[in-house]
Amino acid sequence: MPKKPETILAVDPGLREIGYAVLSGRRYLAGGVLDLRKCPKDRRLPTARRHLGRWVRTHRPRVIVLEKTYRHPVPWLNALHLVALTARRIARRRRLRFACYAPQRVRQSVLGNGKAKKIEVAHFVASLYPQLRIHLTQDRKWKEKHYRNLFDAVALALHHQRAAKPPSRGR
């Protein structure tokens, strides 16, 4: 009996935009970008927390994958790290697996180049998931940058799938 593919919620956190993607095996189920630019700085963290919880309830992932963040001494800049801590708490509370990966490691795994640009990640992901090609070219430059968060989230999920596989036994 074939094993059901693992559902992954991948999150690319940002101070202005948070990209997310949901993959089940190799299938792209959902994704998007939460725009926080118009949200006052003191409301961004509660808004991000609310959406993280909603994504987990809606998609019921077995694992949450996040791009690695670091603490920052400036409080509003540290909000990015607090989003990551929130995701970790949600995962622990719901007994989900949790993983964090550095962006360079993700790009090295997915594209073979740890210093690849966001646009290169976007083109690679769009080649795997044609339904996302529409987000590559937009009528405004800011929209193209906006959707690169979605592409980064998909790349995170792809990296996790590769990293989580047990090594094959050579004979």
Foldseek 3Di string as FASTA:
>chain_A
DDDWFFWEWFWEFDLAKIKIWIDGHLDTDDIDIDGCNVPPLVCSLVVLLVVLVVCCVVRVGQEYEYEDDDADPDVSVRSRVVSVVSNVVVCVVVVHHYYYHHQLLLCCQQVVGSPDDLLVLQVSQCVSPVVSPVQCDDPDPVSVVRCSSNSSRVSRVVSCVVVVDDDDDDD
